[in-house]
């Protein structure tokens, strides 16, 4: 009877051991799933940072385009100033000589 009791206790010990190994395997599975979810999260984070990089590049290109329009506006301003100076000088020359160099009528006819 004592032999069977010790045998039953040994079998119970192996049953508890098997149950512990099963719980350990389940824990490792959950750990692997957690690492997979972490990897997916990092991938999504990297994609988000890539999106922000493209956004920054787009804003840079937009700023360059606005700079181009600023340079264009400055060029038009200088063109207008040059035409104004030309017109004023032709008017001054006409007033001085009576005839003068008739520059502005030539320009206005060509326009």
Protein backbone atom coordinates (compact mmCIF):
# COMPACT_ATOMS: atom_id res chain seq x y z
CA UNK A 1 0.00 0.00 0.00
CA UNK A 2 2.86 2.35 0.85
CA UNK A 3 4.47 1.54 -2.51
CA UNK A 4 1.29 2.50 -4.37
CA UNK A 5 1.01 5.67 -2.31
CA UNK A 6 4.58 6.69 -3.26
CA UNK A 7 3.83 5.76 -6.89
CA UNK A 8 0.68 7.92 -6.86
CA UNK A 9 2.65 10.82 -5.36
CA UNK A 10 5.34 10.44 -8.09
CA UNK A 11 2.67 10.43 -10.81
CA UNK A 12 1.10 13.53 -9.21
CA UNK A 13 4.54 15.20 -9.25
CA UNK A 14 4.95 14.39 -12.97
CA UNK A 15 1.44 15.69 -13.64
CA UNK A 16 2.29 18.98 -11.87
CA UNK A 17 5.57 19.13 -13.82
CA UNK A 18 3.73 18.58 -17.12
CA UNK A 19 1.20 21.26 -16.17
CA UNK A 20 4.08 23.65 -15.34
CA UNK A 21 5.72 22.97 -18.70
CA UNK A 22 2.39 23.60 -20.46
CA UNK A 23 2.01 26.94 -18.64
CA UNK A 24 5.62 27.80 -19.56
CA UNK A 25 4.91 27.01 -23.23
CA UNK A 26 1.79 29.21 -23.12
CA UNK A 27 3.83 32.03 -21.55
CA UNK A 28 6.46 31.78 -24.29
CA UNK A 29 3.72 31.85 -26.94
CA UNK A 30 2.23 34.99 -25.37
CA UNK A 31 5.73 36.52 -25.22
CA UNK A 32 6.26 35.75 -28.92
CA UNK A 33 2.91 37.34 -29.78
CA UNK A 34 3.84 40.41 -27.74
CA UNK A 35 7.16 40.74 -29.59
CA UNK A 36 5.32 40.40 -32.92
CA UNK A 37 2.90 43.17 -31.92
CA UNK A 38 5.89 45.30 -30.83
CA UNK A 39 7.57 44.75 -34.20
CA UNK A 40 4.37 45.75 -36.00
CA UNK A 41 4.13 48.87 -33.85
CA UNK A 42 7.72 49.82 -34.69
CA UNK A 43 7.01 49.27 -38.39
CA UNK A 44 3.95 51.53 -38.20
CA UNK A 45 6.07 54.11 -36.34
CA UNK A 46 8.72 53.97 -39.08
CA UNK A 47 6.03 54.43 -41.75
CA UNK A 48 4.68 57.42 -39.82
CA UNK A 49 8.16 58.97 -39.66
CA UNK A 50 8.56 58.35 -43.39
CA UNK A 51 5.23 60.14 -43.94
CA UNK A 52 6.53 63.11 -41.92
CA UNK A 53 9.74 63.08 -43.99
CA UNK A 54 7.70 63.29 -47.20
CA UNK A 55 5.58 66.03 -45.64
CA UNK A 56 8.72 68.01 -44.77
CA UNK A 57 10.04 67.55 -48.33
CA UNK A 58 6.73 68.78 -49.74
CA UNK A 59 6.81 71.85 -47.50
CA UNK A 60 10.41 72.54 -48.58
CA UNK A 61 9.41 72.35 -52.26
CA UNK A 62 6.45 74.64 -51.53
CA UNK A 63 8.76 77.15 -49.83
CA UNK A 64 11.10 77.04 -52.84
CA UNK A 65 8.15 77.69 -55.14
CA UNK A 66 7.08 80.67 -53.04
CA UNK A 67 10.66 81.96 -53.12
CA UNK A 68 10.56 81.67 -56.92
CA UNK A 69 7.38 83.77 -57.00
CA UNK A 70 9.02 86.31 -54.68
CA UNK A 71 11.99 86.57 -57.06
CA UNK A 72 9.55 86.89 -59.98
CA UNK A 73 7.72 89.73 -58.20
CA UNK A 74 11.03 91.47 -57.47
CA UNK A 75 11.98 91.15 -61.13
CA UNK A 76 8.68 92.68 -62.22
CA UNK A 77 9.19 95.50 -59.71
CA UNK A 78 12.65 96.26 -61.09
CA UNK A 79 11.26 96.12 -64.65
CA UNK A 80 8.58 98.65 -63.71
CA UNK A 81 11.16 100.87 -62.03
CA UNK A 82 13.40 100.70 -65.09
CA UNK A 83 10.53 101.63 -67.41
CA UNK A 84 9.58 104.50 -65.09
CA UNK A 85 13.15 105.83 -65.09
CA UNK A 86 13.30 105.50 -68.89
CA UNK A 87 10.00 107.37 -69.27
CA UNK A 88 11.10 110.11 -66.86
CA UNK A 89 14.46 110.53 -68.64
CA UNK A 90 12.75 110.76 -72.04
CA UNK A 91 10.33 113.37 -70.68
CA UNK A 92 13.23 115.37 -69.16
CA UNK A 93 15.12 115.21 -72.47
CA UNK A 94 12.03 116.37 -74.36
CA UNK A 95 11.55 119.28 -71.95
CA UNK A 96 15.22 120.26 -72.20
CA UNK A 97 15.69 120.13 -75.99
CA UNK A 98 12.19 120.71 -77.13
CA UNK A 99 12.56 117.65 -79.35
CA UNK A 100 14.90 115.33 -77.41
CA UNK A 101 15.38 111.63 -77.86
CA UNK A 102 11.92 110.23 -78.40
CA UNK A 103 12.50 106.92 -76.58
CA UNK A 104 9.17 106.39 -74.85
CA UNK A 105 6.92 106.72 -77.95
CA UNK A 106 9.02 104.02 -79.66
CA UNK A 107 8.54 101.70 -76.67
CA UNK A 108 4.83 102.46 -76.40
CA UNK A 109 4.35 101.80 -80.12
CA UNK A 110 6.22 98.50 -79.92
CA UNK A 111 4.07 97.43 -76.95
